[in-house]
Each structure stands twice: as C-alpha cells, then as structure tokens.
C-alpha cells in the first residue's frame, strides 16, 4: 500500500484520477436514504413499492450495457455519458418523488441514477486507475484507491447526517450534496485525466502523462 500511494501521488494522471474518484464518491451519501426521500416526499407505501420494483431492473440494464459503451467510446467519454445520466436521474428522482409524479418514473429515474453512479465509480476506481498503473503495482494501486474511496464515502455520509439536523427535505439535501460533487469530479476528469483506452497494460509505467 505504501508503494501504491507513493505511485499514485507521484504521477499526474494518477493524482487526477484519485482526486476525481474521491470527489465523485463523496456524492454517494444520499443513496442510503432513497426510501426516506420517497416517503418524506409524500409517496404512499404502495407507490414506493411500485417504484422499488423498477429500480433494480433499470440498474441491471445500465450495468449490462455500461461495459460495452465504455469499450465503444472510450473511458473518458463513457464517464461523461454516465455522469450525465446519473445527474438527470437524481434530479428527476427527487422532483418526481416530491411532486407526485408516477411511481414508475420515480423508480426508473432512481435506477438510472444509481446505474450511472456506480458505473462511473467503477470506471474511475478500477478501469481507468488500473489502466494507468504498471503491472507490478496494479493490484496494490486498486487497493489503495479503495481506501481513499472509502474515506470519501464516509465523508459524504457524515455531511448528509449533519445536514439532516438542519434541513427538512432529505431529497433536496441529497441533491445539493450529490450534484455539485459529481460536476466537480467530471470537470477535473475532462481537464486533467487522459484517455486510457487501448493502452498496453504490459508496458504502461504511469509516467506517460507526466
């Protein structure tokens, strides 16, 4: 882990990826409260049950196609596409939950949100990070990334928990925490992270982008 952290902070590409991943995962705190968001938004138990039926279906579909999309258009473009999907999904989910829109659309929108969210998280923490690391350190780098991501996730949960003491709407709180972090992470990725599609995993050193 020591060597992995030294590698991560010693190369521009990996520093940018780690920062993107940390900030992006800091947007996930609200995912623990999706049922509470629906309930406090005024949805009935039956409507919540209906919505929750569609969530795993859409999420599974997103998971099934995300890898093909990533291989087709590249890692960076795929992150952009999935981040936009997640942003549209979370905004729609909070709005639909609070304004009495169809529970089917509530479930579909949340499915798009978490499908996009975890697809981006996997790309940042596993695919792009792994393809930017040398073979002899790759597994250690991914382990170190998981550690940093865990810290980001804990920070996000803490912000949500503290915010709930002062804000009545859990949905709006989650949206205000989630959306900015996702946008900031995306901007860093666009400006600082280089494409890794097609790179030779046997020869990559991490210094290619320094």
N, C-alpha and C. Protein backbone atom coordinates (compact mmCIF):
# COMPACT_ATOMS: atom_id res chain seq x y z
N UNK A 1 0.83 -1.20 0.00
CA UNK A 1 0.00 0.00 0.00
C UNK A 1 0.87 1.25 0.00
N UNK A 2 1.98 1.21 0.74
CA UNK A 2 2.89 2.36 0.78
C UNK A 2 3.43 2.67 -0.61
N UNK A 3 3.87 1.64 -1.34
CA UNK A 3 4.38 1.83 -2.69
C UNK A 3 3.28 2.32 -3.63
N UNK A 4 2.08 1.81 -3.43
CA UNK A 4 0.95 2.21 -4.27
C UNK A 4 0.61 3.68 -4.06
N UNK A 5 0.56 4.11 -2.80
CA UNK A 5 0.27 5.51 -2.52
C UNK A 5 1.36 6.42 -3.06
N UNK A 6 2.60 5.97 -2.94
CA UNK A 6 3.72 6.74 -3.48
C UNK A 6 3.57 6.89 -4.99
N UNK A 7 3.16 5.82 -5.65
CA UNK A 7 2.95 5.87 -7.10
C UNK A 7 1.80 6.80 -7.45
N UNK A 8 0.69 6.68 -6.73
CA UNK A 8 -0.49 7.50 -7.01
C UNK A 8 -0.17 8.99 -6.92
N UNK A 9 0.49 9.38 -5.84
CA UNK A 9 0.76 10.80 -5.64
C UNK A 9 2.02 11.27 -6.37
N UNK A 10 2.71 10.33 -7.02
CA UNK A 10 3.92 10.68 -7.74
C UNK A 10 3.73 10.92 -9.23
N UNK A 11 2.51 10.70 -9.72
CA UNK A 11 2.25 10.86 -11.15
C UNK A 11 0.97 11.67 -11.38
N UNK A 12 1.01 12.57 -12.34
CA UNK A 12 -0.11 13.49 -12.58
C UNK A 12 -1.40 12.76 -12.90
N UNK A 13 -1.32 11.76 -13.77
CA UNK A 13 -2.52 11.03 -14.17
C UNK A 13 -3.19 10.39 -12.96
N UNK A 14 -2.42 9.70 -12.14
CA UNK A 14 -3.00 9.01 -11.00
C UNK A 14 -3.49 9.98 -9.93
N UNK A 15 -2.79 11.08 -9.75
CA UNK A 15 -3.27 12.08 -8.78
C UNK A 15 -4.63 12.61 -9.20
N UNK A 16 -4.78 12.88 -10.49
CA UNK A 16 -6.06 13.39 -11.01
C UNK A 16 -7.16 12.34 -10.87
N UNK A 17 -6.83 11.08 -11.18
CA UNK A 17 -7.83 10.02 -11.07
C UNK A 17 -8.27 9.84 -9.62
N UNK A 18 -7.30 9.84 -8.70
CA UNK A 18 -7.62 9.67 -7.28
C UNK A 18 -8.49 10.81 -6.78
N UNK A 19 -8.17 12.04 -7.21
CA UNK A 19 -8.97 13.19 -6.80
C UNK A 19 -10.38 13.10 -7.36
N UNK A 20 -10.50 12.72 -8.64
CA UNK A 20 -11.81 12.54 -9.26
C UNK A 20 -12.63 11.50 -8.51
N UNK A 21 -12.00 10.37 -8.22
CA UNK A 21 -12.71 9.27 -7.56
C UNK A 21 -13.16 9.69 -6.15
N UNK A 22 -12.27 10.35 -5.41
CA UNK A 22 -12.61 10.77 -4.05
C UNK A 22 -13.79 11.73 -4.06
N UNK A 23 -13.74 12.73 -4.95
CA UNK A 23 -14.82 13.72 -5.01
C UNK A 23 -16.11 13.09 -5.50
N UNK A 24 -15.99 12.21 -6.51
CA UNK A 24 -17.20 11.60 -7.05
C UNK A 24 -17.89 10.73 -6.01
N UNK A 25 -17.12 9.93 -5.30
CA UNK A 25 -17.72 9.05 -4.29
C UNK A 25 -18.30 9.86 -3.14
N UNK A 26 -17.80 11.08 -2.94
CA UNK A 26 -18.37 11.95 -1.91
C UNK A 26 -19.80 12.36 -2.25
N UNK A 27 -20.26 12.02 -3.45
CA UNK A 27 -21.63 12.34 -3.85
C UNK A 27 -22.61 11.22 -3.55
N UNK A 28 -22.14 10.13 -2.96
CA UNK A 28 -22.98 8.93 -2.83
C UNK A 28 -23.73 8.83 -1.51
N UNK A 29 -23.54 9.77 -0.60
CA UNK A 29 -24.17 9.67 0.72
C UNK A 29 -25.68 9.54 0.67
N UNK A 30 -26.30 10.21 -0.28
CA UNK A 30 -27.76 10.18 -0.37
C UNK A 30 -28.33 8.86 -0.80
N UNK A 31 -27.49 7.95 -1.31
CA UNK A 31 -28.01 6.66 -1.79
C UNK A 31 -28.53 5.79 -0.65
N UNK A 32 -28.20 6.13 0.58
CA UNK A 32 -28.70 5.36 1.72
C UNK A 32 -30.12 5.75 2.13
N UNK A 33 -30.63 6.81 1.53
CA UNK A 33 -31.90 7.37 2.01
C UNK A 33 -32.97 7.43 0.92
N UNK A 34 -32.84 6.61 -0.12
CA UNK A 34 -33.78 6.73 -1.23
C UNK A 34 -35.22 6.43 -0.81
N UNK A 35 -35.40 5.45 0.08
CA UNK A 35 -36.76 5.15 0.54
C UNK A 35 -37.30 6.29 1.39
N UNK A 36 -36.45 6.87 2.23
CA UNK A 36 -36.87 8.01 3.06
C UNK A 36 -37.20 9.22 2.19
N UNK A 37 -36.46 9.39 1.10
CA UNK A 37 -36.75 10.50 0.19
C UNK A 37 -38.13 10.35 -0.41
N UNK A 38 -38.48 9.14 -0.80
CA UNK A 38 -39.81 8.90 -1.36
C UNK A 38 -40.89 9.09 -0.31
N UNK A 39 -40.63 8.59 0.89
CA UNK A 39 -41.63 8.66 1.96
C UNK A 39 -41.87 10.11 2.38
N UNK A 40 -40.78 10.86 2.60
CA UNK A 40 -40.94 12.26 3.02
C UNK A 40 -41.44 13.14 1.88
N UNK A 41 -41.32 12.65 0.64
CA UNK A 41 -41.85 13.39 -0.50
C UNK A 41 -43.36 13.23 -0.63
N UNK A 42 -43.95 12.35 0.20
CA UNK A 42 -45.40 12.19 0.19
C UNK A 42 -45.90 10.97 -0.54
N UNK A 43 -45.01 10.08 -0.95
CA UNK A 43 -45.45 8.88 -1.66
C UNK A 43 -46.04 7.86 -0.68
N UNK A 44 -47.06 7.17 -1.13
CA UNK A 44 -47.69 6.14 -0.30
C UNK A 44 -46.83 4.88 -0.30
N UNK A 45 -47.16 3.97 0.61
CA UNK A 45 -46.42 2.71 0.68
C UNK A 45 -46.54 1.91 -0.61
N UNK A 46 -47.73 1.91 -1.20
CA UNK A 46 -47.93 1.18 -2.45
C UNK A 46 -47.11 1.79 -3.58
N UNK A 47 -47.09 3.12 -3.63
CA UNK A 47 -46.31 3.78 -4.67
C UNK A 47 -44.81 3.54 -4.50
N UNK A 48 -44.36 3.54 -3.26
CA UNK A 48 -42.94 3.25 -3.00
C UNK A 48 -42.60 1.84 -3.43
N UNK A 49 -43.49 0.89 -3.14
CA UNK A 49 -43.29 -0.49 -3.54
C UNK A 49 -43.21 -0.61 -5.06
N UNK A 50 -44.09 0.10 -5.75
CA UNK A 50 -44.07 0.10 -7.22
C UNK A 50 -42.76 0.66 -7.75
N UNK A 51 -42.34 1.78 -7.17
CA UNK A 51 -41.09 2.42 -7.61
C UNK A 51 -39.91 1.48 -7.40
N UNK A 52 -39.88 0.82 -6.25
CA UNK A 52 -38.75 -0.03 -5.91
C UNK A 52 -38.68 -1.28 -6.79
N UNK A 53 -39.79 -1.64 -7.42
CA UNK A 53 -39.78 -2.77 -8.35
C UNK A 53 -38.95 -2.44 -9.59
N UNK A 54 -38.99 -1.19 -10.03
CA UNK A 54 -38.31 -0.80 -11.26
C UNK A 54 -36.84 -0.42 -11.05
N UNK A 55 -36.47 -0.10 -9.82
CA UNK A 55 -35.10 0.35 -9.56
C UNK A 55 -34.06 -0.70 -9.95
N UNK A 56 -34.15 -1.95 -9.46
CA UNK A 56 -33.12 -2.94 -9.83
C UNK A 56 -33.16 -3.32 -11.30
N UNK A 57 -34.33 -3.24 -11.94
CA UNK A 57 -34.41 -3.58 -13.35
C UNK A 57 -33.60 -2.60 -14.19
N UNK A 58 -33.79 -1.32 -13.94
CA UNK A 58 -33.06 -0.29 -14.69
C UNK A 58 -31.58 -0.32 -14.34
N UNK A 59 -31.29 -0.51 -13.06
CA UNK A 59 -29.90 -0.58 -12.63
C UNK A 59 -29.18 -1.75 -13.31
N UNK A 60 -29.84 -2.89 -13.37
CA UNK A 60 -29.25 -4.07 -14.01
C UNK A 60 -29.01 -3.82 -15.50
N UNK A 61 -29.97 -3.16 -16.15
CA UNK A 61 -29.80 -2.86 -17.57
C UNK A 61 -28.62 -1.92 -17.79
N UNK A 62 -28.50 -0.91 -16.91
CA UNK A 62 -27.38 0.02 -17.01
C UNK A 62 -26.05 -0.71 -16.82
N UNK A 63 -26.01 -1.60 -15.85
CA UNK A 63 -24.79 -2.36 -15.58
C UNK A 63 -24.42 -3.25 -16.77
N UNK A 64 -25.43 -3.82 -17.39
CA UNK A 64 -25.20 -4.74 -18.51
C UNK A 64 -24.60 -4.03 -19.72
N UNK A 65 -25.01 -2.79 -19.97
CA UNK A 65 -24.56 -2.10 -21.19
C UNK A 65 -23.37 -1.18 -20.96
N UNK A 66 -23.07 -0.83 -19.71
CA UNK A 66 -22.04 0.18 -19.46
C UNK A 66 -20.67 -0.26 -19.97
N UNK A 67 -20.35 -1.54 -19.80
CA UNK A 67 -19.06 -2.04 -20.28
C UNK A 67 -18.92 -1.93 -21.79
N UNK A 68 -20.00 -2.24 -22.52
CA UNK A 68 -19.97 -2.13 -23.97
C UNK A 68 -19.80 -0.68 -24.41
N UNK A 69 -20.51 0.21 -23.69
CA UNK A 69 -20.39 1.65 -24.01
C UNK A 69 -18.96 2.12 -23.77
N UNK A 70 -18.37 1.68 -22.65
CA UNK A 70 -17.01 2.09 -22.30
C UNK A 70 -16.00 1.63 -23.34
N UNK A 71 -16.15 0.39 -23.82
CA UNK A 71 -15.23 -0.11 -24.84
C UNK A 71 -15.46 0.55 -26.19
N UNK A 72 -16.67 0.97 -26.44
CA UNK A 72 -17.01 1.56 -27.74
C UNK A 72 -16.52 3.00 -27.87
N UNK A 73 -16.78 3.83 -26.85
CA UNK A 73 -16.49 5.26 -26.99
C UNK A 73 -15.30 5.72 -26.17
N UNK A 74 -14.71 4.83 -25.39
CA UNK A 74 -13.56 5.22 -24.58
C UNK A 74 -13.94 5.49 -23.14
N UNK A 75 -12.93 5.53 -22.28
CA UNK A 75 -13.17 5.66 -20.85
C UNK A 75 -13.70 7.04 -20.47
N UNK A 76 -13.04 8.09 -20.95
CA UNK A 76 -13.43 9.45 -20.56
C UNK A 76 -14.85 9.78 -21.06
N UNK A 77 -15.11 9.48 -22.31
CA UNK A 77 -16.44 9.78 -22.84
C UNK A 77 -17.51 8.98 -22.12
N UNK A 78 -17.18 7.76 -21.76
CA UNK A 78 -18.14 6.93 -21.02
C UNK A 78 -18.43 7.52 -19.66
N UNK A 79 -17.40 8.03 -18.98
CA UNK A 79 -17.61 8.68 -17.68
C UNK A 79 -18.53 9.89 -17.85
N UNK A 80 -18.30 10.67 -18.91
CA UNK A 80 -19.14 11.84 -19.16
C UNK A 80 -20.59 11.43 -19.37
N UNK A 81 -20.80 10.41 -20.22
CA UNK A 81 -22.16 9.94 -20.52
C UNK A 81 -22.85 9.43 -19.27
N UNK A 82 -22.17 8.61 -18.50
CA UNK A 82 -22.80 8.02 -17.31
C UNK A 82 -23.00 9.05 -16.20
N UNK A 83 -22.12 10.04 -16.11
CA UNK A 83 -22.32 11.09 -15.12
C UNK A 83 -23.55 11.92 -15.46
N UNK A 84 -23.72 12.24 -16.74
CA UNK A 84 -24.91 12.99 -17.17
C UNK A 84 -26.17 12.18 -16.89
N UNK A 85 -26.12 10.88 -17.17
CA UNK A 85 -27.27 10.02 -16.88
C UNK A 85 -27.58 10.03 -15.39
N UNK A 86 -26.55 9.92 -14.56
CA UNK A 86 -26.75 9.92 -13.11
C UNK A 86 -27.31 11.25 -12.63
N UNK A 87 -26.81 12.35 -13.19
CA UNK A 87 -27.31 13.68 -12.78
C UNK A 87 -28.78 13.86 -13.16
N UNK A 88 -29.11 13.50 -14.38
CA UNK A 88 -30.51 13.60 -14.81
C UNK A 88 -31.38 12.68 -13.95
N UNK A 89 -30.85 11.49 -13.64
CA UNK A 89 -31.61 10.54 -12.83
C UNK A 89 -31.89 11.05 -11.44
N UNK A 90 -30.88 11.62 -10.76
CA UNK A 90 -31.10 12.06 -9.38
C UNK A 90 -31.99 13.28 -9.31
N UNK A 91 -31.83 14.21 -10.26
CA UNK A 91 -32.72 15.39 -10.30
C UNK A 91 -34.15 14.95 -10.54
N UNK A 92 -34.35 14.04 -11.50
CA UNK A 92 -35.70 13.54 -11.80
C UNK A 92 -36.28 12.80 -10.61
N UNK A 93 -35.46 11.98 -9.98
CA UNK A 93 -35.94 11.19 -8.84
C UNK A 93 -36.45 12.08 -7.71
N UNK A 94 -35.67 13.08 -7.34
CA UNK A 94 -36.08 13.97 -6.25
C UNK A 94 -37.32 14.76 -6.64
N UNK A 95 -37.35 15.26 -7.86
CA UNK A 95 -38.52 16.04 -8.31
C UNK A 95 -39.77 15.18 -8.40
N UNK A 96 -39.65 14.01 -9.01
CA UNK A 96 -40.80 13.12 -9.15
C UNK A 96 -41.33 12.67 -7.78
N UNK A 97 -40.41 12.40 -6.85
CA UNK A 97 -40.81 11.95 -5.53
C UNK A 97 -41.58 13.03 -4.77
N UNK A 98 -41.20 14.28 -4.98
CA UNK A 98 -41.78 15.37 -4.21
C UNK A 98 -43.01 16.00 -4.86
N UNK A 99 -43.22 15.72 -6.15
CA UNK A 99 -44.33 16.38 -6.84
C UNK A 99 -45.40 15.41 -7.31
N UNK A 100 -45.41 14.21 -6.75
CA UNK A 100 -46.48 13.26 -7.02
C UNK A 100 -46.51 12.71 -8.43
N UNK A 101 -45.35 12.63 -9.06
CA UNK A 101 -45.28 12.06 -10.40
C UNK A 101 -45.35 10.53 -10.31
N UNK A 102 -45.67 9.89 -11.39
CA UNK A 102 -45.83 8.43 -11.45
C UNK A 102 -44.73 7.68 -10.71
N UNK A 103 -45.10 6.75 -9.83
CA UNK A 103 -44.09 5.96 -9.11
C UNK A 103 -43.21 5.13 -10.04
N UNK A 104 -43.74 4.78 -11.21
CA UNK A 104 -42.94 4.06 -12.20
C UNK A 104 -41.77 4.93 -12.65
N UNK A 105 -42.04 6.20 -12.92
CA UNK A 105 -40.99 7.13 -13.33
C UNK A 105 -40.02 7.41 -12.18
N UNK A 106 -40.54 7.40 -10.96
CA UNK A 106 -39.67 7.56 -9.79
C UNK A 106 -38.65 6.43 -9.74
N UNK A 107 -39.13 5.20 -9.89
CA UNK A 107 -38.24 4.05 -9.85
C UNK A 107 -37.27 4.03 -11.01
N UNK A 108 -37.74 4.35 -12.20
CA UNK A 108 -36.88 4.36 -13.37
C UNK A 108 -35.78 5.41 -13.22
N UNK A 109 -36.16 6.59 -12.74
CA UNK A 109 -35.17 7.67 -12.60
C UNK A 109 -34.11 7.32 -11.56
N UNK A 110 -34.53 6.68 -10.47
CA UNK A 110 -33.53 6.29 -9.47
C UNK A 110 -32.64 5.16 -9.99
N UNK A 111 -33.21 4.27 -10.78
CA UNK A 111 -32.42 3.21 -11.40
C UNK A 111 -31.34 3.78 -12.31
N UNK A 112 -31.70 4.81 -13.09
CA UNK A 112 -30.72 5.48 -13.93
C UNK A 112 -29.66 6.17 -13.09
N UNK A 113 -30.09 6.76 -11.97
CA UNK A 113 -29.15 7.45 -11.09
C UNK A 113 -28.09 6.50 -10.55
N UNK A 114 -28.53 5.42 -9.90
CA UNK A 114 -27.52 4.53 -9.29
C UNK A 114 -26.78 3.72 -10.35
N UNK A 115 -27.44 3.43 -11.47
CA UNK A 115 -26.75 2.73 -12.55
C UNK A 115 -25.60 3.56 -13.10
N UNK A 116 -25.87 4.85 -13.34
CA UNK A 116 -24.82 5.75 -13.80
C UNK A 116 -23.78 6.00 -12.74
N UNK A 117 -24.23 6.14 -11.50
CA UNK A 117 -23.34 6.44 -10.39
C UNK A 117 -22.30 5.36 -10.19
N UNK A 118 -22.74 4.11 -10.10
CA UNK A 118 -21.80 3.03 -9.83
C UNK A 118 -20.98 2.67 -11.05
N UNK A 119 -21.49 2.93 -12.24
CA UNK A 119 -20.70 2.71 -13.45
C UNK A 119 -19.52 3.67 -13.48
N UNK A 120 -19.77 4.94 -13.14
CA UNK A 120 -18.68 5.93 -13.10
C UNK A 120 -17.69 5.56 -12.00
N UNK A 121 -18.20 5.17 -10.84
CA UNK A 121 -17.33 4.80 -9.74
C UNK A 121 -16.40 3.65 -10.14
N UNK A 122 -16.96 2.65 -10.82
CA UNK A 122 -16.14 1.51 -11.27
C UNK A 122 -15.09 1.95 -12.28
N UNK A 123 -15.47 2.84 -13.18
CA UNK A 123 -14.52 3.29 -14.20
C UNK A 123 -13.37 4.08 -13.59
N UNK A 124 -13.70 4.96 -12.64
CA UNK A 124 -12.66 5.77 -12.03
C UNK A 124 -11.76 4.94 -11.12
N UNK A 125 -12.37 4.11 -10.28
CA UNK A 125 -11.63 3.40 -9.24
C UNK A 125 -10.98 2.11 -9.74
N UNK A 126 -11.50 1.54 -10.83
CA UNK A 126 -10.97 0.26 -11.30
C UNK A 126 -10.38 0.34 -12.69
N UNK A 127 -11.19 0.72 -13.67
CA UNK A 127 -10.73 0.62 -15.05
C UNK A 127 -9.66 1.65 -15.38
N UNK A 128 -9.97 2.94 -15.22
CA UNK A 128 -9.01 3.98 -15.59
C UNK A 128 -7.79 3.92 -14.67
N UNK A 129 -8.03 3.71 -13.38
CA UNK A 129 -6.90 3.62 -12.44
C UNK A 129 -6.03 2.42 -12.77
N UNK A 130 -6.63 1.28 -13.08
CA UNK A 130 -5.87 0.08 -13.40
C UNK A 130 -5.09 0.24 -14.69
N UNK A 131 -5.69 0.87 -15.69
CA UNK A 131 -5.02 1.05 -16.97
C UNK A 131 -3.95 2.13 -16.92
N UNK A 132 -3.88 2.88 -15.85
CA UNK A 132 -2.86 3.92 -15.68
C UNK A 132 -1.73 3.46 -14.76
N UNK A 133 -1.76 2.19 -14.35
CA UNK A 133 -0.80 1.68 -13.39
C UNK A 133 0.04 0.56 -14.00
N UNK A 134 1.31 0.44 -13.60
CA UNK A 134 2.16 -0.65 -14.10
C UNK A 134 1.73 -1.99 -13.52
N UNK A 135 2.05 -3.04 -14.24
CA UNK A 135 1.60 -4.39 -13.87
C UNK A 135 1.99 -4.78 -12.45
N UNK A 136 3.22 -4.45 -12.03
CA UNK A 136 3.70 -4.91 -10.73
C UNK A 136 3.06 -4.17 -9.56
N UNK A 137 2.33 -3.06 -9.86
CA UNK A 137 1.69 -2.29 -8.79
C UNK A 137 0.17 -2.22 -8.95
N UNK A 138 -0.36 -2.78 -10.02
CA UNK A 138 -1.76 -2.54 -10.36
C UNK A 138 -2.73 -2.95 -9.24
N UNK A 139 -2.56 -4.14 -8.72
CA UNK A 139 -3.47 -4.61 -7.67
C UNK A 139 -3.35 -3.75 -6.41
N UNK A 140 -2.12 -3.37 -6.07
CA UNK A 140 -1.91 -2.54 -4.89
C UNK A 140 -2.51 -1.15 -5.07
N UNK A 141 -2.39 -0.62 -6.29
CA UNK A 141 -2.97 0.69 -6.58
C UNK A 141 -4.49 0.65 -6.43
N UNK A 142 -5.11 -0.40 -6.95
CA UNK A 142 -6.57 -0.52 -6.84
C UNK A 142 -6.99 -0.67 -5.38
N UNK A 143 -6.18 -1.36 -4.58
CA UNK A 143 -6.47 -1.46 -3.15
C UNK A 143 -6.37 -0.12 -2.46
N UNK A 144 -5.34 0.65 -2.82
CA UNK A 144 -5.17 1.98 -2.23
C UNK A 144 -6.31 2.91 -2.66
N UNK A 145 -6.76 2.76 -3.91
CA UNK A 145 -7.89 3.56 -4.39
C UNK A 145 -9.14 3.25 -3.59
N UNK A 146 -9.33 1.98 -3.28
CA UNK A 146 -10.50 1.59 -2.47
C UNK A 146 -10.46 2.23 -1.10
N UNK A 147 -9.27 2.36 -0.54
CA UNK A 147 -9.13 3.00 0.76
C UNK A 147 -9.53 4.47 0.69
N UNK A 148 -9.05 5.17 -0.32
CA UNK A 148 -9.39 6.59 -0.47
C UNK A 148 -10.87 6.78 -0.78
N UNK A 149 -11.42 5.88 -1.58
CA UNK A 149 -12.84 5.94 -1.90
C UNK A 149 -13.69 5.72 -0.65
N UNK A 150 -13.24 4.80 0.21
CA UNK A 150 -13.95 4.57 1.46
C UNK A 150 -14.00 5.81 2.33
N UNK A 151 -12.90 6.55 2.36
CA UNK A 151 -12.86 7.80 3.12
C UNK A 151 -13.83 8.81 2.52
N UNK A 152 -13.88 8.88 1.19
CA UNK A 152 -14.81 9.79 0.52
C UNK A 152 -16.25 9.44 0.81
N UNK A 153 -16.56 8.15 0.83
CA UNK A 153 -17.92 7.70 1.12
C UNK A 153 -18.32 8.03 2.55
N UNK A 154 -17.40 7.82 3.50
CA UNK A 154 -17.68 8.15 4.90
C UNK A 154 -17.90 9.65 5.07
N UNK A 155 -17.12 10.45 4.36
CA UNK A 155 -17.27 11.90 4.44
C UNK A 155 -18.63 12.33 3.93
N UNK A 156 -19.06 11.72 2.84
CA UNK A 156 -20.36 12.04 2.26
C UNK A 156 -21.49 11.69 3.22
N UNK A 157 -21.41 10.52 3.82
CA UNK A 157 -22.44 10.11 4.79
C UNK A 157 -22.49 11.05 5.98
N UNK A 158 -21.31 11.49 6.42
CA UNK A 158 -21.25 12.41 7.55
C UNK A 158 -21.92 13.74 7.22
N UNK A 159 -21.65 14.25 6.01
CA UNK A 159 -22.26 15.52 5.58
C UNK A 159 -23.78 15.39 5.55
N UNK A 160 -24.27 14.27 5.01
CA UNK A 160 -25.72 14.05 4.94
C UNK A 160 -26.32 13.97 6.35
N UNK A 161 -25.67 13.23 7.22
CA UNK A 161 -26.20 13.07 8.59
C UNK A 161 -26.25 14.40 9.33
N UNK A 162 -25.22 15.21 9.19
CA UNK A 162 -25.22 16.53 9.84
C UNK A 162 -26.26 17.43 9.19
N UNK A 163 -26.34 17.39 7.87
CA UNK A 163 -27.30 18.23 7.16
C UNK A 163 -28.73 17.94 7.52
N UNK A 164 -29.02 16.67 7.84
CA UNK A 164 -30.39 16.30 8.21
C UNK A 164 -30.84 16.94 9.50
N UNK A 165 -29.90 17.44 10.30
CA UNK A 165 -30.26 18.14 11.54
C UNK A 165 -30.80 19.53 11.26
N UNK A 166 -30.52 20.05 10.06
CA UNK A 166 -30.87 21.43 9.75
C UNK A 166 -31.82 21.57 8.56
N UNK A 167 -31.95 20.53 7.75
CA UNK A 167 -32.76 20.61 6.53
C UNK A 167 -33.89 19.59 6.61
N UNK A 168 -35.10 20.01 6.31
CA UNK A 168 -36.25 19.12 6.41
C UNK A 168 -36.34 18.14 5.24
N UNK A 169 -36.02 18.62 4.04
CA UNK A 169 -36.15 17.79 2.85
C UNK A 169 -34.89 16.97 2.63
N UNK A 170 -34.98 15.66 2.86
CA UNK A 170 -33.83 14.78 2.65
C UNK A 170 -33.48 14.74 1.16
N UNK A 171 -34.52 14.80 0.31
CA UNK A 171 -34.29 14.77 -1.12
C UNK A 171 -33.48 15.95 -1.61
N UNK A 172 -33.85 17.15 -1.19
CA UNK A 172 -33.14 18.35 -1.62
C UNK A 172 -31.73 18.37 -1.04
N UNK A 173 -31.59 17.88 0.19
CA UNK A 173 -30.27 17.81 0.81
C UNK A 173 -29.36 16.87 0.02
N UNK A 174 -29.88 15.70 -0.31
CA UNK A 174 -29.09 14.73 -1.08
C UNK A 174 -28.72 15.30 -2.45
N UNK A 175 -29.66 15.99 -3.06
CA UNK A 175 -29.40 16.59 -4.37
C UNK A 175 -28.32 17.66 -4.29
N UNK A 176 -28.39 18.48 -3.25
CA UNK A 176 -27.42 19.56 -3.09
C UNK A 176 -26.03 19.04 -2.75
N UNK A 177 -25.95 17.85 -2.16
CA UNK A 177 -24.65 17.24 -1.88
C UNK A 177 -24.15 16.49 -3.11
N UNK A 178 -25.05 15.78 -3.75
CA UNK A 178 -24.68 14.90 -4.85
C UNK A 178 -24.25 15.65 -6.10
N UNK A 179 -25.11 16.52 -6.59
CA UNK A 179 -24.88 17.15 -7.90
C UNK A 179 -23.57 17.93 -7.98
N UNK A 180 -23.27 18.82 -7.02
CA UNK A 180 -22.01 19.58 -7.13
C UNK A 180 -20.76 18.71 -7.16
N UNK A 181 -20.73 17.68 -6.30
CA UNK A 181 -19.56 16.80 -6.29
C UNK A 181 -19.40 16.08 -7.62
N UNK A 182 -20.51 15.64 -8.20
CA UNK A 182 -20.44 14.94 -9.48
C UNK A 182 -19.93 15.86 -10.58
N UNK A 183 -20.40 17.09 -10.58
CA UNK A 183 -19.98 18.06 -11.60
C UNK A 183 -18.50 18.41 -11.44
N UNK A 184 -18.07 18.64 -10.21
CA UNK A 184 -16.66 18.98 -9.96
C UNK A 184 -15.76 17.83 -10.40
N UNK A 185 -16.13 16.62 -10.04
CA UNK A 185 -15.34 15.45 -10.44
C UNK A 185 -15.26 15.34 -11.96
N UNK A 186 -16.38 15.58 -12.63
CA UNK A 186 -16.41 15.49 -14.09
C UNK A 186 -15.51 16.54 -14.73
N UNK A 187 -15.52 17.75 -14.20
CA UNK A 187 -14.67 18.81 -14.75
C UNK A 187 -13.19 18.48 -14.59
N UNK A 188 -12.82 17.92 -13.45
CA UNK A 188 -11.43 17.52 -13.24
C UNK A 188 -11.04 16.42 -14.22
N UNK A 189 -11.94 15.46 -14.40
CA UNK A 189 -11.65 14.37 -15.33
C UNK A 189 -11.44 14.90 -16.75
N UNK A 190 -12.32 15.80 -17.19
CA UNK A 190 -12.23 16.33 -18.55
C UNK A 190 -10.92 17.08 -18.78
N UNK A 191 -10.48 17.82 -17.76
CA UNK A 191 -9.31 18.70 -17.94
C UNK A 191 -7.98 18.05 -17.53
N UNK A 192 -8.01 17.05 -16.66
CA UNK A 192 -6.76 16.53 -16.09
C UNK A 192 -6.46 15.07 -16.40
N UNK A 193 -7.47 14.27 -16.70
CA UNK A 193 -7.27 12.83 -16.90
C UNK A 193 -7.20 12.52 -18.38
N UNK A 194 -6.24 11.70 -18.78
CA UNK A 194 -6.07 11.31 -20.17
C UNK A 194 -6.77 9.99 -20.46
N UNK A 195 -7.16 9.81 -21.70
CA UNK A 195 -7.81 8.58 -22.14
C UNK A 195 -6.85 7.39 -22.01
N UNK A 196 -7.39 6.25 -21.56
CA UNK A 196 -6.56 5.06 -21.39
C UNK A 196 -6.99 3.90 -22.28
N UNK A 197 -8.02 4.09 -23.07
CA UNK A 197 -8.47 3.00 -23.95
C UNK A 197 -7.36 2.61 -24.90
N UNK A 198 -7.10 1.31 -25.01
CA UNK A 198 -6.12 0.80 -25.95
C UNK A 198 -4.69 0.80 -25.46
N UNK A 199 -4.47 1.24 -24.24
CA UNK A 199 -3.10 1.28 -23.73
C UNK A 199 -2.58 -0.13 -23.48
N UNK A 200 -1.28 -0.32 -23.65
CA UNK A 200 -0.65 -1.63 -23.43
C UNK A 200 -0.42 -1.81 -21.93
N UNK A 201 -1.18 -2.71 -21.32
CA UNK A 201 -1.08 -2.91 -19.88
C UNK A 201 0.25 -3.52 -19.47
N UNK A 202 0.97 -4.10 -20.41
CA UNK A 202 2.26 -4.71 -20.08
C UNK A 202 3.40 -3.70 -20.03
N UNK A 203 3.20 -2.55 -20.67
CA UNK A 203 4.29 -1.58 -20.75
C UNK A 203 4.00 -0.25 -20.06
N UNK A 204 2.75 -0.03 -19.65
CA UNK A 204 2.42 1.25 -19.02
C UNK A 204 3.22 1.45 -17.74
N UNK A 205 3.70 2.68 -17.54
CA UNK A 205 4.52 2.99 -16.36
C UNK A 205 3.88 4.06 -15.47
N UNK A 206 2.93 4.80 -16.01
CA UNK A 206 2.34 5.91 -15.27
C UNK A 206 3.01 7.23 -15.56
N UNK A 207 4.21 7.15 -16.13
CA UNK A 207 4.96 8.37 -16.45
C UNK A 207 4.60 8.91 -17.83
N UNK A 208 3.78 8.18 -18.56
CA UNK A 208 3.41 8.61 -19.92
C UNK A 208 2.75 9.98 -19.93
N UNK A 209 2.08 10.33 -18.83
CA UNK A 209 1.31 11.58 -18.81
C UNK A 209 1.93 12.65 -17.92
N UNK A 210 3.12 12.42 -17.40
CA UNK A 210 3.78 13.41 -16.54
C UNK A 210 4.35 14.56 -17.37
